[in-house]
Amino acid sequence: MKNRWPAAYKIIEELEQAGFEAFVVGGAVRDFVRNAPANDVDITTNATPLEVKKIFTHTIDVGIEHGTVLVVVDEPIEVTTYRSESTYSDFRRPDGVTFVRNLQEDLQRRDFTINAMALTKEDELVDYFGGKKAIEEEIIQAVGNPQLRFSEDALRMLRAVRFSAQLNFTLEQETFQAIRSLHPLIEHVSIERVKVELEKIWLSDFPFKGMKLFVESGLSQNFPGDWERHLQSWDNFSSFNVKVNGWAFFALMQSNENINILLNHYKCSNDEKRHVKNVLEAVYSLEKGAWTLDELFLFREEVLTVAYHFGNSIFSNEIAHPLAKFLLQKRTLPITSKKDIVVNGNDLIEWTNKKRGPWIKEVLDILTGMIVNGKINNDRHEIKEWFSHEYLH
């Protein structure tokens, strides 16, 4: 650990020198056991937050009421006191937190066995609940009673689906059945948290696996939109490592729903809604088999790439050209944006002595289309002649 996570090693060493226990926990341990890279390192300790703050000179209170202090040693790392949690009346957050001095008691409150392991600074694994075996068998299994775990925090049901998609693991049967029986509890979770989990599924290596479990577990029944009818289509989905592309594909899978209302429900930003709108327009434009030069000019390359992939997976008719040809056509257009045109509104005003108004945009739109389609060159003299002939006489 000293070389792999030097900051975490230093923090654990200082806590131990002060007479406390300390371990790395959570996702970093899971990834260590899987021989996968881990960057997000968390530490748990039997020292209370106030005791932690006395040991380290640079700390930040990020969740001290829940036992978490950010310790800055070369880099910031969350240090959380061993704790147990009381009832969860809102199915999301504990009504109270009690600090404990026992590591096993702290680990048993965690969601899944693969996340309930701890690691000493000498890289010795502490595994009370069979997390290493679950990783070897590639299963997601709740710690202890899954009904209790999901009743404590309903988001854990969606996290189970997300981990299955990210790791390509199977949901253990009792854990899956608990989700099927308790899935209505997911409605207690904020839609912002749900959105984050769905996007992580779409960014994963196995998004279809995640969406299949999302539907088969019953979780999808609690959210607006058509999740089931086009489920198989997700088998061809790729996010291109951009989370909003998941919302674009989701929008394509809908039939009569108002897409804007749906995206508003899921708290998509204006930028996200614009991207979805562009992708959908590009996909529908491709339905006729090819994009026109005007359409190639209109859409960014990222949008065209995603739309081509989506269109290719849902249209039965063949698309006329490979994506590379469309992108080459776009790159060889005489202009890449209206800003490239060698004249502007001020020039048009000077040539006409007319006042500024909507007519300028109309002229520039027509001019843009003519340049893109090769009907006129992007040349100041040639444009002035065209303008004079079409608009002044």
Protein backbone atom coordinates (compact mmCIF):
# COMPACT_ATOMS: atom_id res chain seq x y z
CA MET A 1 0.00 0.00 0.00
CA LYS A 2 2.90 2.33 0.70
CA ASN A 3 3.67 2.67 -3.01
CA ARG A 4 0.14 2.18 -4.36
CA TRP A 5 -1.75 4.60 -2.06
CA PRO A 6 0.98 6.58 -0.25
CA ALA A 7 -1.38 9.17 1.27
CA ALA A 8 -3.67 6.47 2.69
CA TYR A 9 -0.63 4.62 4.05
CA LYS A 10 0.59 7.75 5.86
CA ILE A 11 -2.82 8.41 7.40
CA ILE A 12 -3.20 4.83 8.64
CA GLU A 13 0.34 4.86 10.02
CA GLU A 14 -0.28 8.07 11.97
CA LEU A 15 -3.59 6.77 13.35
CA GLU A 16 -1.90 3.54 14.44
CA GLN A 17 0.97 5.46 16.05
CA ALA A 18 -1.66 7.39 18.03
CA GLY A 19 -3.05 4.07 19.31
CA PHE A 20 -6.00 3.58 16.94
CA GLU A 21 -6.97 1.04 14.30
CA ALA A 22 -7.39 2.09 10.67
CA PHE A 23 -8.11 0.30 7.40
CA VAL A 24 -8.83 1.07 3.77
CA VAL A 25 -12.44 0.08 2.99
CA GLY A 26 -15.04 0.11 0.22
CA GLY A 27 -14.55 0.13 -3.51
CA ALA A 28 -10.77 0.45 -3.35
CA VAL A 29 -10.51 -2.88 -1.51
CA ARG A 30 -12.92 -4.51 -3.95
CA ASP A 31 -10.81 -3.32 -6.88
CA PHE A 32 -7.59 -4.39 -5.13
CA VAL A 33 -8.94 -7.94 -4.79
CA ARG A 34 -10.00 -7.84 -8.46
CA ASN A 35 -6.53 -6.61 -9.51
CA ALA A 36 -8.22 -3.54 -10.98
CA PRO A 37 -6.97 0.04 -10.64
CA ALA A 38 -8.52 1.98 -7.74
CA ASN A 39 -8.29 5.73 -7.24
CA ASP A 40 -11.06 6.51 -4.76
CA VAL A 41 -9.61 5.42 -1.41
CA ASP A 42 -11.55 5.67 1.88
CA ILE A 43 -10.35 4.89 5.40
CA THR A 44 -12.27 3.67 8.42
CA THR A 45 -10.99 3.91 12.00
CA ASN A 46 -12.04 3.46 15.61
CA ALA A 47 -10.90 7.04 16.30
CA THR A 48 -13.74 9.52 16.67
CA PRO A 49 -13.88 12.54 14.35
CA LEU A 50 -12.56 14.80 17.13
CA GLU A 51 -9.69 12.38 17.78
CA VAL A 52 -8.88 12.33 14.06
CA LYS A 53 -8.87 16.14 13.97
CA LYS A 54 -6.39 16.27 16.87
CA ILE A 55 -3.94 13.98 15.05
CA PHE A 56 -3.86 15.75 11.68
CA THR A 57 -3.14 19.43 11.07
CA HIS A 58 -5.18 19.77 7.87
CA THR A 59 -8.73 18.40 8.06
CA ILE A 60 -12.08 19.44 6.59
CA ASP A 61 -15.45 18.65 8.14
CA VAL A 62 -17.37 17.11 5.25
CA GLY A 63 -19.80 14.90 7.19
CA ILE A 64 -18.69 15.04 10.78
CA GLU A 65 -22.19 14.32 12.11
CA HIS A 66 -21.93 10.94 10.36
CA GLY A 67 -18.35 10.41 11.44
CA THR A 68 -16.53 11.55 8.30
CA VAL A 69 -13.58 13.94 8.21
CA LEU A 70 -11.53 14.78 5.13
CA VAL A 71 -7.84 14.43 5.99
CA VAL A 72 -5.42 16.17 3.64
CA VAL A 73 -2.00 14.49 3.48
CA ASP A 74 -0.60 15.09 -0.02
CA GLU A 75 -4.17 14.44 -1.22
CA PRO A 76 -7.58 14.53 0.52
CA ILE A 77 -8.93 11.21 1.84
CA GLU A 78 -12.17 10.58 3.71
CA VAL A 79 -11.65 9.10 7.17
CA THR A 80 -14.81 7.74 8.80
CA THR A 81 -15.29 6.43 12.33
CA TYR A 82 -16.60 2.88 12.77
CA ARG A 83 -20.33 3.24 13.15
CA SER A 84 -23.62 1.45 13.39
CA GLU A 85 -26.86 2.89 12.15
CA SER A 86 -30.36 3.03 13.61
CA THR A 87 -33.68 2.76 11.77
CA TYR A 88 -34.21 4.21 8.27
CA SER A 89 -37.68 5.77 8.38
CA ASP A 90 -37.20 7.41 4.97
CA PHE A 91 -35.69 4.23 3.42
CA ARG A 92 -32.60 6.25 2.50
CA ARG A 93 -30.77 7.79 5.47
CA PRO A 94 -30.26 6.47 9.00
CA ASP A 95 -32.32 8.25 11.66
CA GLY A 96 -29.24 8.16 13.84
CA VAL A 97 -25.58 7.12 13.81
CA THR A 98 -23.73 5.53 16.73
CA PHE A 99 -19.94 5.38 16.77
CA VAL A 100 -18.56 1.94 17.63
CA ARG A 101 -15.07 0.60 18.32
CA ASN A 102 -15.44 -2.68 16.42
CA LEU A 103 -14.54 -3.07 12.72
CA GLN A 104 -16.86 -6.05 12.12
CA GLU A 105 -19.83 -4.08 13.44
CA ASP A 106 -18.97 -1.27 11.02
CA LEU A 107 -18.57 -3.57 8.00
CA GLN A 108 -21.82 -5.45 8.61
CA ARG A 109 -23.87 -2.29 7.94
CA ARG A 110 -22.51 -2.04 4.38
CA ASP A 111 -24.49 -2.93 1.27
CA PHE A 112 -22.81 -5.86 -0.52
CA THR A 113 -20.22 -8.42 0.50
CA ILE A 114 -17.84 -7.19 -2.21
CA ASN A 115 -17.92 -3.76 -0.52
CA ALA A 116 -17.67 -5.03 3.06
CA MET A 117 -13.97 -5.88 3.17
CA ALA A 118 -11.11 -3.97 4.74
CA LEU A 119 -7.38 -3.80 4.04
CA THR A 120 -4.51 -3.18 6.44
CA LYS A 121 -1.58 -1.04 5.45
CA GLU A 122 0.37 -4.29 5.02
CA ASP A 123 -2.24 -5.40 2.42
CA GLU A 124 -3.79 -8.03 4.70
CA LEU A 125 -7.45 -8.58 3.81
CA VAL A 126 -10.15 -8.50 6.50
CA ASP A 127 -13.18 -10.33 5.09
CA TYR A 128 -15.90 -11.31 7.55
CA PHE A 129 -18.71 -11.75 5.02
CA GLY A 130 -17.23 -13.61 2.06
CA GLY A 131 -16.50 -10.66 -0.23
CA LYS A 132 -13.44 -12.31 -1.78
CA LYS A 133 -15.44 -15.49 -2.52
CA ALA A 134 -18.23 -13.37 -4.08
CA ILE A 135 -15.68 -11.72 -6.36
CA GLU A 136 -14.26 -15.11 -7.35
CA GLU A 137 -17.79 -16.39 -8.06
CA GLU A 138 -18.74 -13.08 -9.72
CA ILE A 139 -21.89 -12.45 -7.71
CA ILE A 140 -23.47 -9.40 -6.08
CA GLN A 141 -24.78 -10.45 -2.67
CA ALA A 142 -26.19 -8.31 0.12
CA VAL A 143 -24.47 -8.36 3.50
CA GLY A 144 -26.67 -10.38 5.83
CA ASN A 145 -30.42 -10.13 5.25
CA PRO A 146 -31.07 -8.46 1.86
CA GLN A 147 -34.61 -7.44 2.86
CA LEU A 148 -33.14 -5.52 5.77
CA ARG A 149 -30.32 -4.00 3.70
CA PHE A 150 -32.73 -2.69 1.04
CA SER A 151 -35.26 -1.49 3.60
CA GLU A 152 -32.50 0.55 5.21
CA ASP A 153 -31.49 2.21 1.96
CA ALA A 154 -33.69 1.67 -1.09
CA LEU A 155 -31.02 3.05 -3.45
CA ARG A 156 -29.02 -0.11 -2.75
CA MET A 157 -31.42 -2.03 -5.02
CA LEU A 158 -30.42 0.11 -7.99
CA ARG A 159 -26.77 0.00 -6.93
CA ALA A 160 -26.94 -3.80 -7.07
CA VAL A 161 -28.09 -3.56 -10.68
CA ARG A 162 -25.40 -1.01 -11.46
CA PHE A 163 -22.60 -3.13 -9.97
CA SER A 164 -23.83 -6.09 -12.04
CA ALA A 165 -23.50 -3.96 -15.18
CA GLN A 166 -20.12 -2.53 -14.24
CA LEU A 167 -18.51 -5.80 -13.14
CA ASN A 168 -20.54 -8.24 -15.28
CA PHE A 169 -21.49 -10.06 -12.07
CA THR A 170 -24.69 -12.03 -11.42
CA LEU A 171 -27.20 -10.97 -8.78
CA GLU A 172 -27.33 -13.65 -6.06
CA GLN A 173 -30.82 -15.21 -6.03
CA GLU A 174 -31.93 -14.14 -2.55
CA THR A 175 -30.64 -10.62 -3.20
CA PHE A 176 -32.50 -10.47 -6.53
CA GLN A 177 -35.74 -11.77 -4.98
CA ALA A 178 -35.51 -9.15 -2.24
CA ILE A 179 -35.33 -6.43 -4.90
CA ARG A 180 -38.34 -7.92 -6.69
CA SER A 181 -40.40 -7.82 -3.52
CA LEU A 182 -39.24 -4.41 -2.30
CA HIS A 183 -38.82 -2.49 -5.59
CA PRO A 184 -41.64 0.03 -4.82
CA LEU A 185 -39.42 1.43 -2.05
CA ILE A 186 -37.20 2.98 -4.75
CA GLU A 187 -39.79 5.76 -5.01
CA HIS A 188 -38.46 7.10 -1.70
CA VAL A 189 -35.12 7.86 -3.36
CA SER A 190 -34.58 11.26 -4.99
CA ILE A 191 -34.72 11.21 -8.77
CA GLU A 192 -31.28 12.88 -8.87
CA ARG A 193 -29.74 9.80 -7.20
CA VAL A 194 -31.63 7.48 -9.53
CA LYS A 195 -30.36 9.48 -12.52
CA VAL A 196 -26.75 9.05 -11.38
CA GLU A 197 -27.14 5.26 -11.07
CA LEU A 198 -28.82 4.90 -14.47
CA GLU A 199 -26.03 6.92 -16.09
CA LYS A 200 -23.40 4.69 -14.46
CA ILE A 201 -25.19 1.67 -15.94
CA TRP A 202 -25.10 3.27 -19.39
CA LEU A 203 -21.41 4.12 -19.03
CA SER A 204 -20.58 0.57 -17.95
CA ASP A 205 -19.19 -2.18 -20.17
CA PHE A 206 -22.43 -4.17 -19.93
CA PRO A 207 -25.32 -1.69 -20.16
CA PHE A 208 -27.75 -4.27 -21.59
CA LYS A 209 -27.18 -6.50 -18.57
CA GLY A 210 -28.02 -3.55 -16.32
CA MET A 211 -31.14 -2.54 -18.22
CA LYS A 212 -32.34 -6.17 -18.31
CA LEU A 213 -32.00 -6.44 -14.53
CA PHE A 214 -33.59 -2.99 -14.12
CA VAL A 215 -36.69 -4.30 -15.90
CA GLU A 216 -36.73 -7.89 -14.60
CA SER A 217 -36.33 -6.77 -10.98
CA GLY A 218 -39.41 -4.56 -11.27
CA LEU A 219 -37.46 -1.38 -10.53
CA SER A 220 -38.33 0.12 -13.92
CA GLN A 221 -42.04 -0.01 -13.05
CA ASN A 222 -41.53 2.87 -10.64
CA PHE A 223 -40.28 5.33 -13.25
CA PRO A 224 -41.99 6.98 -16.23
CA GLY A 225 -41.09 5.98 -19.75
CA ASP A 226 -41.22 2.80 -21.78
CA TRP A 227 -38.44 0.62 -20.39
CA GLU A 228 -39.71 -2.84 -21.32
CA ARG A 229 -41.08 -2.86 -24.87
CA HIS A 230 -37.73 -2.07 -26.53
CA LEU A 231 -35.55 -3.72 -23.89
CA GLN A 232 -33.68 -5.85 -26.43
CA SER A 233 -32.60 -2.71 -28.30
CA TRP A 234 -30.25 -1.90 -25.41
CA ASP A 235 -28.16 -4.86 -26.49
CA ASN A 236 -26.85 -2.65 -29.33
CA PHE A 237 -26.39 0.45 -27.19
CA SER A 238 -23.09 2.24 -26.68
CA SER A 239 -22.74 5.43 -24.65
CA PHE A 240 -19.50 6.45 -26.41
CA ASN A 241 -18.41 7.23 -22.85
CA VAL A 242 -20.86 10.16 -22.68
CA LYS A 243 -23.60 9.68 -20.10
CA VAL A 244 -26.19 11.89 -21.82
CA ASN A 245 -26.17 9.51 -24.80
CA GLY A 246 -28.06 7.10 -22.55
CA TRP A 247 -30.88 9.62 -22.30
CA ALA A 248 -30.83 10.07 -26.08
CA PHE A 249 -31.19 6.31 -26.61
CA PHE A 250 -33.90 6.15 -23.92
CA ALA A 251 -35.75 8.94 -25.77
CA LEU A 252 -35.52 6.98 -29.04
CA MET A 253 -37.15 4.00 -27.35
CA GLN A 254 -40.28 5.99 -26.48
CA SER A 255 -43.46 5.98 -28.56
CA ASN A 256 -46.04 8.64 -27.68
CA GLU A 257 -44.48 10.17 -24.59
CA ASN A 258 -43.51 13.83 -24.54
CA ILE A 259 -39.72 13.57 -24.45
CA ASN A 260 -39.23 16.97 -22.86
CA ILE A 261 -41.60 16.11 -20.00
CA LEU A 262 -39.75 12.81 -19.47
CA LEU A 263 -36.33 14.48 -19.43
CA ASN A 264 -37.61 17.12 -17.03
CA HIS A 265 -38.84 14.38 -14.70
CA TYR A 266 -35.33 12.90 -14.61
CA LYS A 267 -33.86 16.36 -13.91
CA CYS A 268 -31.86 16.52 -17.13
CA SER A 269 -30.15 19.88 -17.62
CA ASN A 270 -30.86 22.22 -20.52
CA ASP A 271 -27.56 21.21 -22.11
CA GLU A 272 -28.49 17.53 -21.80
CA LYS A 273 -31.91 18.16 -23.33
CA ARG A 274 -30.32 20.04 -26.24
CA HIS A 275 -27.93 17.15 -26.88
CA VAL A 276 -30.79 14.63 -26.82
CA LYS A 277 -32.79 16.81 -29.24
CA ASN A 278 -29.83 17.03 -31.63
CA VAL A 279 -29.18 13.29 -31.55
CA LEU A 280 -32.85 12.51 -32.17
CA GLU A 281 -33.03 14.96 -35.08
CA ALA A 282 -29.88 13.45 -36.60
CA VAL A 283 -31.22 9.92 -36.19
CA TYR A 284 -34.57 10.74 -37.76
CA SER A 285 -32.79 12.57 -40.60
CA LEU A 286 -30.84 9.39 -41.31
CA GLU A 287 -33.99 7.30 -41.64
CA LYS A 288 -34.14 8.15 -45.37
CA GLY A 289 -30.74 6.49 -45.80
CA ALA A 290 -28.32 9.42 -45.88
CA TRP A 291 -27.66 12.88 -44.50
CA THR A 292 -27.80 15.91 -46.79
CA LEU A 293 -24.92 18.38 -46.83
CA ASP A 294 -27.10 20.82 -44.86
CA GLU A 295 -27.63 18.18 -42.18
CA LEU A 296 -23.94 17.32 -42.07
CA PHE A 297 -23.23 21.00 -41.57
CA LEU A 298 -25.88 21.31 -38.86
CA PHE A 299 -24.75 18.50 -36.53
CA ARG A 300 -21.44 18.19 -34.66
CA GLU A 301 -19.29 15.14 -35.41
CA GLU A 302 -19.99 13.66 -31.96
CA VAL A 303 -23.73 13.89 -32.62
CA LEU A 304 -23.37 12.33 -36.08
CA THR A 305 -21.30 9.46 -34.69
CA VAL A 306 -23.83 8.63 -31.97
CA ALA A 307 -26.82 9.11 -34.30
CA TYR A 308 -25.26 6.84 -36.94
CA HIS A 309 -24.75 4.07 -34.39
CA PHE A 310 -28.26 4.46 -32.95
CA GLY A 311 -29.85 4.70 -36.40
CA ASN A 312 -27.97 1.66 -37.62
CA SER A 313 -29.32 -0.38 -34.73
CA ILE A 314 -33.01 0.60 -35.05
CA PHE A 315 -33.68 1.17 -38.78
CA SER A 316 -34.41 -1.84 -40.92
CA ASN A 317 -33.37 -0.10 -44.16
CA GLU A 318 -29.70 0.12 -45.01
CA ILE A 319 -27.84 3.38 -44.53
CA ALA A 320 -26.27 4.47 -47.80
CA HIS A 321 -22.69 5.08 -46.63
CA PRO A 322 -20.36 4.08 -43.82
CA LEU A 323 -19.94 6.66 -41.06
CA ALA A 324 -16.40 7.47 -42.23
CA LYS A 325 -17.73 8.72 -45.58
CA PHE A 326 -20.28 11.00 -43.91
CA LEU A 327 -17.61 12.42 -41.61
CA LEU A 328 -15.27 12.97 -44.56
CA GLN A 329 -18.05 14.85 -46.37
CA LYS A 330 -18.55 17.01 -43.30
CA ARG A 331 -14.84 17.75 -42.95
CA THR A 332 -14.59 18.81 -46.59
CA LEU A 333 -17.48 21.28 -46.41
CA PRO A 334 -16.35 24.79 -47.41
CA ILE A 335 -17.34 26.19 -43.98
CA THR A 336 -17.68 24.62 -40.53
CA SER A 337 -19.95 27.30 -39.03
CA LYS A 338 -21.66 30.55 -39.96
CA LYS A 339 -18.72 32.39 -38.41
CA ASP A 340 -16.59 31.19 -41.31
CA ILE A 341 -18.61 33.20 -43.83
CA VAL A 342 -16.50 36.12 -45.03
CA VAL A 343 -19.36 38.63 -44.71
CA ASN A 344 -21.59 39.44 -41.77
CA GLY A 345 -24.67 41.44 -40.85
CA ASN A 346 -22.78 44.72 -40.81
CA ASP A 347 -21.73 44.16 -44.42
CA LEU A 348 -25.34 43.52 -45.45
CA ILE A 349 -26.47 46.71 -43.69
CA GLU A 350 -23.73 48.71 -45.40
CA TRP A 351 -24.71 47.33 -48.81
CA THR A 352 -28.41 48.13 -48.36
CA ASN A 353 -28.60 51.05 -45.89
CA LYS A 354 -31.44 49.08 -44.25
CA LYS A 355 -31.94 48.92 -40.48
CA ARG A 356 -30.91 45.86 -38.54
CA GLY A 357 -33.69 43.25 -38.31
CA PRO A 358 -34.73 39.60 -38.83
CA TRP A 359 -33.97 39.93 -42.54
CA ILE A 360 -30.24 39.65 -41.79
CA LYS A 361 -30.60 36.17 -40.29
CA GLU A 362 -32.80 35.10 -43.21
CA VAL A 363 -30.18 36.22 -45.74
CA LEU A 364 -27.31 34.59 -43.83
CA ASP A 365 -29.28 31.32 -43.51
CA ILE A 366 -29.87 31.23 -47.27
CA LEU A 367 -26.27 32.15 -47.91
CA THR A 368 -25.04 29.41 -45.56
CA GLY A 369 -27.05 26.76 -47.40
CA MET A 370 -25.76 27.95 -50.78
CA ILE A 371 -22.11 27.87 -49.65
CA VAL A 372 -22.50 24.44 -48.01
CA ASN A 373 -24.08 23.02 -51.17
CA GLY A 374 -21.45 24.56 -53.44
CA LYS A 375 -23.83 26.94 -55.21
CA ILE A 376 -21.67 29.92 -54.34
CA ASN A 377 -18.10 30.29 -53.15
CA ASN A 378 -17.26 31.76 -49.76
CA ASP A 379 -15.79 34.80 -51.52
CA ARG A 380 -16.63 38.38 -50.52
CA HIS A 381 -16.88 39.72 -54.08
CA GLU A 382 -18.98 36.79 -55.29
CA ILE A 383 -21.31 37.04 -52.29
CA LYS A 384 -21.77 40.78 -52.82
CA GLU A 385 -22.67 40.21 -56.46
CA TRP A 386 -25.18 37.50 -55.51
CA PHE A 387 -26.68 39.68 -52.80
CA SER A 388 -26.91 42.67 -55.11
CA HIS A 389 -28.63 40.64 -57.80
CA GLU A 390 -31.06 38.85 -55.45
CA TYR A 391 -31.86 41.59 -52.96
CA LEU A 392 -31.10 45.00 -54.41
CA HIS A 393 -32.58 44.64 -57.89
